[in-house]
Amino acid sequence: MSETKIKNMEEFAAVSGISRPTVSKYFHDPQSVRVSTRNRIEAALERYDYRPNIYAMNQNRKLTKSIGIVVPFLGDPFFAEIARNLEQRCITAGYHPTLFSSHGQPVLETHILDNLLSLKPAGVLMAPLGRNSNKDAIKKFCAQVPTVLFDSDIQDVGLAFIGSDNPQFSMHIVDYLCRTGSAPCFFEMKNPSNPNANKRRQGYLRAMKQLGHEPHVVSVEGSGWDFEEIGRQGGHAALVTNQFITDTVLCSNDRLAIGLLTACYETGIRVGRQKGSAIRIAGQDDHPFSRFTCPPLTTIAQDYDAISRKAVDTLFAAVDGADEARKTTLFDGKLIMRDSA
């Protein structure tokens, strides 16, 4: 192996003694060049340990100005809001975003990636399903198209992961709830669709331990993305059987909390921090509708603006040729105090 460091395809062509167009042709399709030429190129690759920047090659091929945005479920207002932020930033930068929803289906998620390949996008911003995703398919896609993951991470896949510090969310709001009243129970789905739910449970357990309280988790049945109805039905069952051992409940996300608020209303239980209220309820995410519930929902807010800005900036830097090691960037949540807790 040569000690000479090759920085780009032009330098590789020069040291290997093969024309730049022929080298480029080989990288696009090795079978498109003569066997003798292919052997020379591959010997030079071995000698100089050179690997082309796939993303820069794509730019040289004058790909479209399209940007793919992939989310797990567009019917979820959180993903609708973050997608809106991403779309606006892409448009402002002169790109043409196209939005896709995998509807919680791993097969559809993979199919979307296959379709995107045929569109030759400049890059992709993707919130994968997480543990249900076809990780090999996503990894293969990310090796061909500049891709930044957000919301849900897949280790060592894509250019970067941009998201929220979910354990911090739970720890921050647990501290607030304990300082202002009784220690909270944790209300969650037994089999959550979004893998961030497990990180939030761990944050809750850690915070309760640090604060000297015994944790109490109430896990309800349900699957899919119909969180409000799952929270309503599971809330009814938990209330009837006295599963909430304190008068404070922290929900895994705002949509479950909205369902629990409905269950309390339907059973005549008053929610809030005012005198005469029987229970406090808090959520996580600052769902776009959380300030319009009755009472308005106390929650921990995701930083939509910071996440979308960092994700877009990271992607466009790679599209422009920046070559950086994969990074994870997590943003803290902000406590939003409202009347429910």
C-alpha atoms as a PDB file:
ATOM      1  CA  MET A   1       0.000   0.000   0.000  1.00  0.00           C
ATOM      2  CA  SER A   2       1.331   3.440  -0.952  1.00  0.00           C
ATOM      3  CA  GLU A   3       1.823   6.144   1.661  1.00  0.00           C
ATOM      4  CA  THR A   4       0.475   8.694  -0.836  1.00  0.00           C
ATOM      5  CA  LYS A   5      -2.917   9.976   0.311  1.00  0.00           C
ATOM      6  CA  ILE A   6      -5.329  10.335  -2.595  1.00  0.00           C
ATOM      7  CA  LYS A   7      -7.934  13.037  -1.952  1.00  0.00           C
ATOM      8  CA  ASN A   8     -10.147  12.840  -5.025  1.00  0.00           C
ATOM      9  CA  MET A   9     -10.766  11.073  -8.312  1.00  0.00           C
ATOM     10  CA  GLU A  10      -8.609  13.493 -10.303  1.00  0.00           C
ATOM     11  CA  GLU A  11      -5.559  12.657  -8.181  1.00  0.00           C
ATOM     12  CA  PHE A  12      -6.312   8.945  -8.422  1.00  0.00           C
ATOM     13  CA  ALA A  13      -6.529   9.144 -12.216  1.00  0.00           C
ATOM     14  CA  ALA A  14      -3.208  10.995 -12.355  1.00  0.00           C
ATOM     15  CA  VAL A  15      -1.239   8.542 -10.212  1.00  0.00           C
ATOM     16  CA  SER A  16      -2.800   5.473 -11.832  1.00  0.00           C
ATOM     17  CA  GLY A  17      -2.092   6.682 -15.366  1.00  0.00           C
ATOM     18  CA  ILE A  18      -5.692   6.231 -16.483  1.00  0.00           C
ATOM     19  CA  SER A  19      -7.874   8.994 -17.851  1.00  0.00           C
ATOM     20  CA  ARG A  20     -10.374  10.682 -15.514  1.00  0.00           C
ATOM     21  CA  PRO A  21     -13.404   9.800 -17.719  1.00  0.00           C
ATOM     22  CA  THR A  22     -12.388   6.133 -17.779  1.00  0.00           C
ATOM     23  CA  VAL A  23     -11.955   6.053 -14.001  1.00  0.00           C
ATOM     24  CA  SER A  24     -15.348   7.698 -13.569  1.00  0.00           C
ATOM     25  CA  LYS A  25     -16.909   5.214 -15.956  1.00  0.00           C
ATOM     26  CA  TYR A  26     -15.462   2.345 -13.928  1.00  0.00           C
ATOM     27  CA  PHE A  27     -16.876   3.655 -10.648  1.00  0.00           C
ATOM     28  CA  HIS A  28     -20.323   4.007 -12.164  1.00  0.00           C
ATOM     29  CA  ASP A  29     -20.168   0.504 -13.650  1.00  0.00           C
ATOM     30  CA  PRO A  30     -17.008  -1.690 -13.447  1.00  0.00           C
ATOM     31  CA  GLN A  31     -18.292  -3.884 -16.275  1.00  0.00           C
ATOM     32  CA  SER A  32     -18.390  -0.911 -18.644  1.00  0.00           C
ATOM     33  CA  VAL A  33     -14.600  -0.827 -19.104  1.00  0.00           C
ATOM     34  CA  ARG A  34     -12.263  -3.405 -20.707  1.00  0.00           C
ATOM     35  CA  VAL A  35     -11.012  -6.208 -18.491  1.00  0.00           C
ATOM     36  CA  SER A  36      -7.394  -5.056 -18.785  1.00  0.00           C
ATOM     37  CA  THR A  37      -8.388  -1.503 -17.786  1.00  0.00           C
ATOM     38  CA  ARG A  38     -10.496  -2.799 -14.919  1.00  0.00           C
ATOM     39  CA  ASN A  39      -7.547  -4.834 -13.641  1.00  0.00           C
ATOM     40  CA  ARG A  40      -5.261  -1.765 -13.759  1.00  0.00           C
ATOM     41  CA  ILE A  41      -7.798   0.360 -11.872  1.00  0.00           C
ATOM     42  CA  GLU A  42      -8.361  -2.289  -9.217  1.00  0.00           C
ATOM     43  CA  ALA A  43      -4.606  -2.749  -8.742  1.00  0.00           C
ATOM     44  CA  ALA A  44      -4.272   1.016  -8.278  1.00  0.00           C
ATOM     45  CA  LEU A  45      -7.160   1.035  -5.824  1.00  0.00           C
ATOM     46  CA  GLU A  46      -5.372  -1.592  -3.773  1.00  0.00           C
ATOM     47  CA  ARG A  47      -2.045   0.207  -3.954  1.00  0.00           C
ATOM     48  CA  TYR A  48      -3.333   3.659  -2.993  1.00  0.00           C
ATOM     49  CA  ASP A  49      -6.207   2.486  -0.759  1.00  0.00           C
ATOM     50  CA  TYR A  50      -8.535   4.961  -2.476  1.00  0.00           C
ATOM     51  CA  ARG A  51     -12.300   4.935  -2.149  1.00  0.00           C
ATOM     52  CA  PRO A  52     -14.329   7.542  -4.054  1.00  0.00           C
ATOM     53  CA  ASN A  53     -16.741   9.895  -2.336  1.00  0.00           C
ATOM     54  CA  ILE A  54     -20.054   8.477  -3.545  1.00  0.00           C
ATOM     55  CA  TYR A  55     -21.894  11.666  -2.674  1.00  0.00           C
ATOM     56  CA  ALA A  56     -19.508  13.870  -4.616  1.00  0.00           C
ATOM     57  CA  MET A  57     -19.826  11.505  -7.593  1.00  0.00           C
ATOM     58  CA  ASN A  58     -23.567  11.899  -7.490  1.00  0.00           C
ATOM     59  CA  GLN A  59     -23.217  15.674  -7.514  1.00  0.00           C
ATOM     60  CA  ASN A  60     -20.980  15.429 -10.582  1.00  0.00           C
ATOM     61  CA  ARG A  61     -23.722  13.460 -12.296  1.00  0.00           C
ATOM     62  CA  LYS A  62     -25.986  16.505 -11.817  1.00  0.00           C
ATOM     63  CA  LEU A  63     -28.661  14.823  -9.764  1.00  0.00           C
ATOM     64  CA  THR A  64     -32.016  16.482  -9.230  1.00  0.00           C
ATOM     65  CA  LYS A  65     -32.574  19.170  -6.613  1.00  0.00           C
ATOM     66  CA  SER A  66     -35.038  16.832  -4.917  1.00  0.00           C
ATOM     67  CA  ILE A  67     -34.843  16.021  -1.222  1.00  0.00           C
ATOM     68  CA  GLY A  68     -36.743  13.044   0.174  1.00  0.00           C
ATOM     69  CA  ILE A  69     -38.335  13.368   3.610  1.00  0.00           C
ATOM     70  CA  VAL A  70     -39.448  10.056   5.136  1.00  0.00           C
ATOM     71  CA  VAL A  71     -41.468   9.788   8.365  1.00  0.00           C
ATOM     72  CA  PRO A  72     -43.093   6.781  10.084  1.00  0.00           C
ATOM     73  CA  PHE A  73     -46.646   8.148  10.257  1.00  0.00           C
ATOM     74  CA  LEU A  74     -47.720  11.479   8.803  1.00  0.00           C
ATOM     75  CA  GLY A  75     -51.019  11.286  10.694  1.00  0.00           C
ATOM     76  CA  ASP A  76     -49.054  11.906  13.894  1.00  0.00           C
ATOM     77  CA  PRO A  77     -49.040  15.696  14.439  1.00  0.00           C
ATOM     78  CA  PHE A  78     -45.479  15.555  15.764  1.00  0.00           C
ATOM     79  CA  PHE A  79     -44.177  14.160  12.486  1.00  0.00           C
ATOM     80  CA  ALA A  80     -46.413  16.516  10.517  1.00  0.00           C
ATOM     81  CA  GLU A  81     -44.876  19.476  12.365  1.00  0.00           C
ATOM     82  CA  ILE A  82     -41.259  18.354  12.038  1.00  0.00           C
ATOM     83  CA  ALA A  83     -41.844  17.522   8.349  1.00  0.00           C
ATOM     84  CA  ARG A  84     -43.307  21.002   7.812  1.00  0.00           C
ATOM     85  CA  ASN A  85     -40.159  22.527   9.339  1.00  0.00           C
ATOM     86  CA  LEU A  86     -37.893  20.383   7.153  1.00  0.00           C
ATOM     87  CA  GLU A  87     -39.880  21.171   3.998  1.00  0.00           C
ATOM     88  CA  GLN A  88     -39.666  24.915   4.569  1.00  0.00           C
ATOM     89  CA  ARG A  89     -35.916  24.799   5.136  1.00  0.00           C
ATOM     90  CA  CYS A  90     -35.375  22.751   1.968  1.00  0.00           C
ATOM     91  CA  ILE A  91     -37.508  25.125  -0.096  1.00  0.00           C
ATOM     92  CA  THR A  92     -35.647  28.152   1.286  1.00  0.00           C
ATOM     93  CA  ALA A  93     -32.355  26.526   0.244  1.00  0.00           C
ATOM     94  CA  GLY A  94     -33.616  26.040  -3.309  1.00  0.00           C
ATOM     95  CA  TYR A  95     -34.417  22.322  -3.118  1.00  0.00           C
ATOM     96  CA  HIS A  96     -37.647  20.496  -3.898  1.00  0.00           C
ATOM     97  CA  PRO A  97     -38.773  18.329  -0.946  1.00  0.00           C
ATOM     98  CA  THR A  98     -40.999  15.306  -1.422  1.00  0.00           C
ATOM     99  CA  LEU A  99     -42.689  13.843   1.651  1.00  0.00           C
ATOM    100  CA  PHE A 100     -43.259  10.119   2.240  1.00  0.00           C
ATOM    101  CA  SER A 101     -45.002   8.278   5.093  1.00  0.00           C
ATOM    102  CA  SER A 102     -44.289   4.606   5.778  1.00  0.00           C
ATOM    103  CA  HIS A 103     -47.512   4.303   7.830  1.00  0.00           C
ATOM    104  CA  GLY A 104     -45.715   2.200  10.421  1.00  0.00           C
ATOM    105  CA  GLN A 105     -45.050  -0.575   7.889  1.00  0.00           C
ATOM    106  CA  PRO A 106     -41.464  -1.869   7.449  1.00  0.00           C
ATOM    107  CA  VAL A 107     -42.196  -3.224   3.944  1.00  0.00           C
ATOM    108  CA  LEU A 108     -43.552   0.141   2.827  1.00  0.00           C
ATOM    109  CA  GLU A 109     -40.547   1.912   4.351  1.00  0.00           C
ATOM    110  CA  THR A 110     -38.200  -0.227   2.241  1.00  0.00           C
ATOM    111  CA  HIS A 111     -40.388   0.306  -0.844  1.00  0.00           C
ATOM    112  CA  ILE A 112     -40.152   4.085  -0.358  1.00  0.00           C
ATOM    113  CA  LEU A 113     -36.351   3.873  -0.326  1.00  0.00           C
ATOM    114  CA  ASP A 114     -36.395   1.829  -3.542  1.00  0.00           C
ATOM    115  CA  ASN A 115     -38.572   4.489  -5.192  1.00  0.00           C
ATOM    116  CA  LEU A 116     -36.290   7.254  -3.959  1.00  0.00           C
ATOM    117  CA  LEU A 117     -33.287   5.588  -5.584  1.00  0.00           C
ATOM    118  CA  SER A 118     -35.006   5.800  -8.957  1.00  0.00           C
ATOM    119  CA  LEU A 119     -35.652   9.525  -8.388  1.00  0.00           C
ATOM    120  CA  LYS A 120     -31.937  10.192  -7.751  1.00  0.00           C
ATOM    121  CA  PRO A 121     -32.477  12.692  -4.913  1.00  0.00           C
ATOM    122  CA  ALA A 122     -29.699  14.999  -3.789  1.00  0.00           C
ATOM    123  CA  GLY A 123     -30.260  13.677  -0.274  1.00  0.00           C
ATOM    124  CA  VAL A 124     -32.769  12.275   2.196  1.00  0.00           C
ATOM    125  CA  LEU A 125     -33.963  13.221   5.681  1.00  0.00           C
ATOM    126  CA  MET A 126     -35.367  10.114   7.350  1.00  0.00           C
ATOM    127  CA  ALA A 127     -37.100   9.229  10.598  1.00  0.00           C
ATOM    128  CA  PRO A 128     -36.950   5.411  10.461  1.00  0.00           C
ATOM    129  CA  LEU A 129     -39.399   3.108  12.213  1.00  0.00           C
ATOM    130  CA  GLY A 130     -36.522   1.981  14.417  1.00  0.00           C
ATOM    131  CA  ARG A 131     -36.328  -1.595  15.641  1.00  0.00           C
ATOM    132  CA  ASN A 132     -39.003  -2.658  13.113  1.00  0.00           C
ATOM    133  CA  SER A 133     -37.063  -1.230  10.167  1.00  0.00           C
ATOM    134  CA  ASN A 134     -35.217  -3.387   7.662  1.00  0.00           C
ATOM    135  CA  LYS A 135     -31.830  -2.155   8.851  1.00  0.00           C
ATOM    136  CA  ASP A 136     -29.863  -3.824   6.043  1.00  0.00           C
ATOM    137  CA  ALA A 137     -32.038  -2.132   3.412  1.00  0.00           C
ATOM    138  CA  ILE A 138     -31.619   1.278   5.069  1.00  0.00           C
ATOM    139  CA  LYS A 139     -27.866   0.789   5.433  1.00  0.00           C
ATOM    140  CA  LYS A 140     -27.582  -0.118   1.750  1.00  0.00           C
ATOM    141  CA  PHE A 141     -29.631   2.927   0.772  1.00  0.00           C
ATOM    142  CA  CYS A 142     -27.550   5.264   2.939  1.00  0.00           C
ATOM    143  CA  ALA A 143     -24.375   4.014   1.265  1.00  0.00           C
ATOM    144  CA  GLN A 144     -25.720   5.349  -2.035  1.00  0.00           C
ATOM    145  CA  VAL A 145     -27.617   8.498  -1.056  1.00  0.00           C
ATOM    146  CA  PRO A 146     -26.599  11.149   1.508  1.00  0.00           C
ATOM    147  CA  THR A 147     -29.019  10.515   4.366  1.00  0.00           C
ATOM    148  CA  VAL A 148     -29.490  12.132   7.759  1.00  0.00           C
ATOM    149  CA  LEU A 149     -31.575  10.262  10.340  1.00  0.00           C
ATOM    150  CA  PHE A 150     -33.771  12.085  12.835  1.00  0.00           C
ATOM    151  CA  ASP A 151     -36.099  11.158  15.710  1.00  0.00           C
ATOM    152  CA  SER A 152     -35.124   7.451  15.732  1.00  0.00           C
ATOM    153  CA  ASP A 153     -31.532   6.260  15.380  1.00  0.00           C
ATOM    154  CA  ILE A 154     -30.028   3.205  13.705  1.00  0.00           C
ATOM    155  CA  GLN A 155     -26.479   2.772  14.942  1.00  0.00           C
ATOM    156  CA  ASP A 156     -23.711   3.604  12.452  1.00  0.00           C
ATOM    157  CA  VAL A 157     -26.169   4.214   9.598  1.00  0.00           C
ATOM    158  CA  GLY A 158     -26.383   7.453   7.635  1.00  0.00           C
ATOM    159  CA  LEU A 159     -24.347  10.637   7.803  1.00  0.00           C
ATOM    160  CA  ALA A 160     -25.621  11.629  11.243  1.00  0.00           C
ATOM    161  CA  PHE A 161     -28.430  11.280  13.746  1.00  0.00           C
ATOM    162  CA  ILE A 162     -30.255  14.391  14.954  1.00  0.00           C
ATOM    163  CA  GLY A 163     -32.815  14.001  17.705  1.00  0.00           C
ATOM    164  CA  SER A 164     -33.983  14.673  21.232  1.00  0.00           C
ATOM    165  CA  ASP A 165     -32.370  13.538  24.466  1.00  0.00           C
ATOM    166  CA  ASN A 166     -35.332  11.378  25.484  1.00  0.00           C
ATOM    167  CA  PRO A 167     -33.971  10.233  28.874  1.00  0.00           C
ATOM    168  CA  GLN A 168     -33.400  13.906  29.724  1.00  0.00           C
ATOM    169  CA  PHE A 169     -37.050  14.622  28.877  1.00  0.00           C
ATOM    170  CA  SER A 170     -38.322  12.224  31.522  1.00  0.00           C
ATOM    171  CA  MET A 171     -35.718  13.151  34.118  1.00  0.00           C
ATOM    172  CA  HIS A 172     -36.426  16.875  33.749  1.00  0.00           C
ATOM    173  CA  ILE A 173     -40.205  16.602  34.051  1.00  0.00           C
ATOM    174  CA  VAL A 174     -40.047  14.004  36.861  1.00  0.00           C
ATOM    175  CA  ASP A 175     -37.940  16.434  38.876  1.00  0.00           C
ATOM    176  CA  TYR A 176     -40.539  19.172  38.330  1.00  0.00           C
ATOM    177  CA  LEU A 177     -43.474  16.931  39.245  1.00  0.00           C
ATOM    178  CA  CYS A 178     -41.767  15.709  42.415  1.00  0.00           C
ATOM    179  CA  ARG A 179     -40.965  19.276  43.507  1.00  0.00           C
ATOM    180  CA  THR A 180     -44.543  20.450  42.998  1.00  0.00           C
ATOM    181  CA  GLY A 181     -46.536  17.470  44.276  1.00  0.00           C
ATOM    182  CA  SER A 182     -46.533  13.719  44.628  1.00  0.00           C
ATOM    183  CA  ALA A 183     -44.054  11.567  42.694  1.00  0.00           C
ATOM    184  CA  PRO A 184     -45.522  10.433  39.351  1.00  0.00           C
ATOM    185  CA  CYS A 185     -46.534   7.050  38.043  1.00  0.00           C
ATOM    186  CA  PHE A 186     -45.436   6.371  34.460  1.00  0.00           C
ATOM    187  CA  PHE A 187     -48.167   5.582  31.890  1.00  0.00           C
ATOM    188  CA  GLU A 188     -47.058   3.832  28.682  1.00  0.00           C
ATOM    189  CA  MET A 189     -47.912   1.319  25.972  1.00  0.00           C
ATOM    190  CA  LYS A 190     -46.672  -2.183  26.682  1.00  0.00           C
ATOM    191  CA  ASN A 191     -45.486  -2.505  23.074  1.00  0.00           C
ATOM    192  CA  PRO A 192     -44.773   1.043  21.872  1.00  0.00           C
ATOM    193  CA  SER A 193     -44.525   1.799  18.162  1.00  0.00           C
ATOM    194  CA  ASN A 194     -41.838   4.438  18.659  1.00  0.00           C
ATOM    195  CA  PRO A 195     -38.553   3.208  20.197  1.00  0.00           C
ATOM    196  CA  ASN A 196     -38.094   6.545  21.982  1.00  0.00           C
ATOM    197  CA  ALA A 197     -40.722   5.389  24.479  1.00  0.00           C
ATOM    198  CA  ASN A 198     -38.273   2.906  25.996  1.00  0.00           C
ATOM    199  CA  LYS A 199     -35.660   5.641  26.476  1.00  0.00           C
ATOM    200  CA  ARG A 200     -38.234   7.780  28.245  1.00  0.00           C
ATOM    201  CA  ARG A 201     -39.139   4.947  30.600  1.00  0.00           C
ATOM    202  CA  GLN A 202     -35.459   4.522  31.440  1.00  0.00           C
ATOM    203  CA  GLY A 203     -35.205   8.255  32.111  1.00  0.00           C
ATOM    204  CA  TYR A 204     -38.210   8.045  34.429  1.00  0.00           C
ATOM    205  CA  LEU A 205     -36.780   5.087  36.344  1.00  0.00           C
ATOM    206  CA  ARG A 206     -33.401   6.787  36.715  1.00  0.00           C
ATOM    207  CA  ALA A 207     -34.935  10.057  37.914  1.00  0.00           C
ATOM    208  CA  MET A 208     -37.167   8.347  40.463  1.00  0.00           C
ATOM    209  CA  LYS A 209     -34.197   6.428  41.846  1.00  0.00           C
ATOM    210  CA  GLN A 210     -32.034   9.551  42.068  1.00  0.00           C
ATOM    211  CA  LEU A 211     -34.811  11.441  43.862  1.00  0.00           C
ATOM    212  CA  GLY A 212     -35.396   8.607  46.352  1.00  0.00           C
ATOM    213  CA  HIS A 213     -38.830   7.539  45.108  1.00  0.00           C
ATOM    214  CA  GLU A 214     -40.161   4.101  44.229  1.00  0.00           C
ATOM    215  CA  PRO A 215     -41.050   4.011  40.501  1.00  0.00           C
ATOM    216  CA  HIS A 216     -44.408   2.671  39.384  1.00  0.00           C
ATOM    217  CA  VAL A 217     -45.002   1.896  35.697  1.00  0.00           C
ATOM    218  CA  VAL A 218     -48.489   1.287  34.287  1.00  0.00           C
ATOM    219  CA  SER A 219     -48.207  -0.436  30.887  1.00  0.00           C
ATOM    220  CA  VAL A 220     -51.373  -0.817  28.805  1.00  0.00           C
ATOM    221  CA  GLU A 221     -52.210  -3.021  25.843  1.00  0.00           C
ATOM    222  CA  GLY A 222     -52.343  -1.610  22.341  1.00  0.00           C
ATOM    223  CA  SER A 223     -50.322  -1.408  19.161  1.00  0.00           C
ATOM    224  CA  GLY A 224     -49.985   0.889  16.180  1.00  0.00           C
ATOM    225  CA  TRP A 225     -50.276   4.665  16.135  1.00  0.00           C
ATOM    226  CA  ASP A 226     -53.789   5.246  17.524  1.00  0.00           C
ATOM    227  CA  PHE A 227     -52.290   6.547  20.770  1.00  0.00           C
ATOM    228  CA  GLU A 228     -55.240   8.657  21.923  1.00  0.00           C
ATOM    229  CA  GLU A 229     -57.663   5.733  21.872  1.00  0.00           C
ATOM    230  CA  ILE A 230     -55.090   3.436  23.476  1.00  0.00           C
ATOM    231  CA  GLY A 231     -54.596   6.055  26.207  1.00  0.00           C
ATOM    232  CA  ARG A 232     -58.348   6.430  26.682  1.00  0.00           C
ATOM    233  CA  GLN A 233     -59.085   2.705  26.941  1.00  0.00           C
ATOM    234  CA  GLY A 234     -55.973   1.938  28.978  1.00  0.00           C
ATOM    235  CA  GLY A 235     -56.685   4.956  31.174  1.00  0.00           C
ATOM    236  CA  HIS A 236     -60.204   3.731  31.928  1.00  0.00           C
ATOM    237  CA  ALA A 237     -58.857   0.312  32.928  1.00  0.00           C
ATOM    238  CA  ALA A 238     -56.123   1.800  35.101  1.00  0.00           C
ATOM    239  CA  LEU A 239     -58.525   4.199  36.851  1.00  0.00           C
ATOM    240  CA  VAL A 240     -61.146   1.521  37.547  1.00  0.00           C
ATOM    241  CA  THR A 241     -58.554  -0.882  39.006  1.00  0.00           C
ATOM    242  CA  ASN A 242     -56.688   1.844  40.961  1.00  0.00           C
ATOM    243  CA  GLN A 243     -53.384   1.213  39.180  1.00  0.00           C
ATOM    244  CA  PHE A 244     -52.251   4.804  39.673  1.00  0.00           C
ATOM    245  CA  ILE A 245     -50.933   4.656  43.228  1.00  0.00           C
ATOM    246  CA  THR A 246     -50.289   8.421  43.409  1.00  0.00           C
ATOM    247  CA  ASP A 247     -52.302  11.395  42.186  1.00  0.00           C
ATOM    248  CA  THR A 248     -49.713  12.295  39.522  1.00  0.00           C
ATOM    249  CA  VAL A 249     -49.250  10.560  36.153  1.00  0.00           C
ATOM    250  CA  LEU A 250     -46.460  11.163  33.641  1.00  0.00           C
ATOM    251  CA  CYS A 251     -47.364   9.790  30.217  1.00  0.00           C
ATOM    252  CA  SER A 252     -44.828   8.472  27.718  1.00  0.00           C
ATOM    253  CA  ASN A 253     -46.077  10.977  25.140  1.00  0.00           C
ATOM    254  CA  ASP A 254     -48.674  13.718  24.784  1.00  0.00           C
ATOM    255  CA  ARG A 255     -51.023  11.642  22.642  1.00  0.00           C
ATOM    256  CA  LEU A 256     -51.371   9.015  25.361  1.00  0.00           C
ATOM    257  CA  ALA A 257     -51.887  11.865  27.826  1.00  0.00           C
ATOM    258  CA  ILE A 258     -54.713  13.266  25.688  1.00  0.00           C
ATOM    259  CA  GLY A 259     -56.404   9.856  25.800  1.00  0.00           C
ATOM    260  CA  LEU A 260     -55.977   9.710  29.576  1.00  0.00           C
ATOM    261  CA  LEU A 261     -57.460  13.198  29.924  1.00  0.00           C
ATOM    262  CA  THR A 262     -60.520  11.954  28.039  1.00  0.00           C
ATOM    263  CA  ALA A 263     -60.794   8.886  30.290  1.00  0.00           C
ATOM    264  CA  CYS A 264     -60.724  11.162  33.347  1.00  0.00           C
ATOM    265  CA  TYR A 265     -63.424  13.397  31.883  1.00  0.00           C
ATOM    266  CA  GLU A 266     -65.621  10.403  31.053  1.00  0.00           C
ATOM    267  CA  THR A 267     -65.324   9.079  34.613  1.00  0.00           C
ATOM    268  CA  GLY A 268     -65.877  12.464  36.258  1.00  0.00           C
ATOM    269  CA  ILE A 269     -62.322  12.845  37.588  1.00  0.00           C
ATOM    270  CA  ARG A 270     -61.110  16.437  37.693  1.00  0.00           C
ATOM    271  CA  VAL A 271     -57.609  16.978  36.321  1.00  0.00           C
ATOM    272  CA  GLY A 272     -55.292  19.827  37.221  1.00  0.00           C
ATOM    273  CA  ARG A 273     -53.280  21.572  39.870  1.00  0.00           C
ATOM    274  CA  GLN A 274     -56.116  23.749  41.132  1.00  0.00           C
ATOM    275  CA  LYS A 275     -57.887  23.131  44.419  1.00  0.00           C
ATOM    276  CA  GLY A 276     -60.444  20.354  44.080  1.00  0.00           C
ATOM    277  CA  SER A 277     -58.564  18.469  41.352  1.00  0.00           C
ATOM    278  CA  ALA A 278     -58.066  14.742  41.927  1.00  0.00           C
ATOM    279  CA  ILE A 279     -55.167  13.987  39.606  1.00  0.00           C
ATOM    280  CA  ARG A 280     -52.295  15.681  37.784  1.00  0.00           C
ATOM    281  CA  ILE A 281     -51.391  14.535  34.260  1.00  0.00           C
ATOM    282  CA  ALA A 282     -48.296  15.446  32.249  1.00  0.00           C
ATOM    283  CA  GLY A 283     -47.032  14.393  28.841  1.00  0.00           C
ATOM    284  CA  GLN A 284     -43.924  14.592  26.680  1.00  0.00           C
ATOM    285  CA  ASP A 285     -43.331  16.162  23.222  1.00  0.00           C
ATOM    286  CA  ASP A 286     -45.373  19.407  23.309  1.00  0.00           C
ATOM    287  CA  HIS A 287     -47.736  17.962  20.729  1.00  0.00           C
ATOM    288  CA  PRO A 288     -49.166  20.807  18.576  1.00  0.00           C
ATOM    289  CA  PHE A 289     -52.585  20.299  20.202  1.00  0.00           C
ATOM    290  CA  SER A 290     -51.394  19.961  23.804  1.00  0.00           C
ATOM    291  CA  ARG A 291     -52.057  23.592  24.705  1.00  0.00           C
ATOM    292  CA  PHE A 292     -55.664  23.236  23.492  1.00  0.00           C
ATOM    293  CA  THR A 293     -56.663  20.277  25.697  1.00  0.00           C
ATOM    294  CA  CYS A 294     -58.879  20.769  28.719  1.00  0.00           C
ATOM    295  CA  PRO A 295     -57.066  21.531  30.915  1.00  0.00           C
ATOM    296  CA  PRO A 296     -54.026  22.524  28.809  1.00  0.00           C
ATOM    297  CA  LEU A 297     -51.358  19.841  29.087  1.00  0.00           C
ATOM    298  CA  THR A 298     -48.126  20.239  31.020  1.00  0.00           C
ATOM    299  CA  THR A 299     -45.372  18.668  28.945  1.00  0.00           C
ATOM    300  CA  ILE A 300     -41.732  18.694  27.900  1.00  0.00           C
ATOM    301  CA  ALA A 301     -41.181  20.262  24.484  1.00  0.00           C
ATOM    302  CA  GLN A 302     -39.135  18.916  21.609  1.00  0.00           C
ATOM    303  CA  ASP A 303     -37.106  21.627  19.891  1.00  0.00           C
ATOM    304  CA  TYR A 304     -38.636  21.303  16.427  1.00  0.00           C
ATOM    305  CA  ASP A 305     -36.707  24.283  15.107  1.00  0.00           C
ATOM    306  CA  ALA A 306     -33.268  23.160  16.305  1.00  0.00           C
ATOM    307  CA  ILE A 307     -33.741  19.555  15.152  1.00  0.00           C
ATOM    308  CA  SER A 308     -34.919  20.523  11.673  1.00  0.00           C
ATOM    309  CA  ARG A 309     -32.220  23.189  11.249  1.00  0.00           C
ATOM    310  CA  LYS A 310     -29.381  20.869  12.310  1.00  0.00           C
ATOM    311  CA  ALA A 311     -30.659  17.985  10.163  1.00  0.00           C
ATOM    312  CA  VAL A 312     -30.944  20.141   7.037  1.00  0.00           C
ATOM    313  CA  ASP A 313     -27.595  21.888   7.606  1.00  0.00           C
ATOM    314  CA  THR A 314     -25.846  18.524   8.077  1.00  0.00           C
ATOM    315  CA  LEU A 315     -27.379  17.075   4.919  1.00  0.00           C
ATOM    316  CA  PHE A 316     -26.605  20.089   2.735  1.00  0.00           C
ATOM    317  CA  ALA A 317     -23.006  20.182   3.978  1.00  0.00           C
ATOM    318  CA  ALA A 318     -22.579  16.566   2.815  1.00  0.00           C
ATOM    319  CA  VAL A 319     -24.274  17.290  -0.517  1.00  0.00           C
ATOM    320  CA  ASP A 320     -21.785  20.141  -1.005  1.00  0.00           C
ATOM    321  CA  GLY A 321     -18.897  17.736  -0.491  1.00  0.00           C
ATOM    322  CA  ALA A 322     -18.119  17.893   3.237  1.00  0.00           C
ATOM    323  CA  ASP A 323     -16.678  14.591   4.453  1.00  0.00           C
ATOM    324  CA  GLU A 324     -17.093  14.276   8.222  1.00  0.00           C
ATOM    325  CA  ALA A 325     -17.328  11.359  10.634  1.00  0.00           C
ATOM    326  CA  ARG A 326     -20.838  10.330  11.636  1.00  0.00           C
ATOM    327  CA  LYS A 327     -22.114  12.386  14.555  1.00  0.00           C
ATOM    328  CA  THR A 328     -25.050  12.187  16.942  1.00  0.00           C
ATOM    329  CA  THR A 329     -26.612  15.450  18.082  1.00  0.00           C
ATOM    330  CA  LEU A 330     -29.250  15.419  20.830  1.00  0.00           C
ATOM    331  CA  PHE A 331     -31.276  18.406  21.985  1.00  0.00           C
ATOM    332  CA  ASP A 332     -32.665  18.846  25.493  1.00  0.00           C
ATOM    333  CA  GLY A 333     -36.372  19.237  26.125  1.00  0.00           C
ATOM    334  CA  LYS A 334     -37.922  22.377  27.592  1.00  0.00           C
ATOM    335  CA  LEU A 335     -40.461  22.208  30.422  1.00  0.00           C
ATOM    336  CA  ILE A 336     -43.847  23.675  29.474  1.00  0.00           C
ATOM    337  CA  MET A 337     -45.981  24.260  32.566  1.00  0.00           C
ATOM    338  CA  ARG A 338     -49.747  24.334  32.015  1.00  0.00           C
ATOM    339  CA  ASP A 339     -52.851  23.688  34.127  1.00  0.00           C
ATOM    340  CA  SER A 340     -52.936  19.862  33.920  1.00  0.00           C
ATOM    341  CA  ALA A 341     -49.973  19.561  36.299  1.00  0.00           C
END
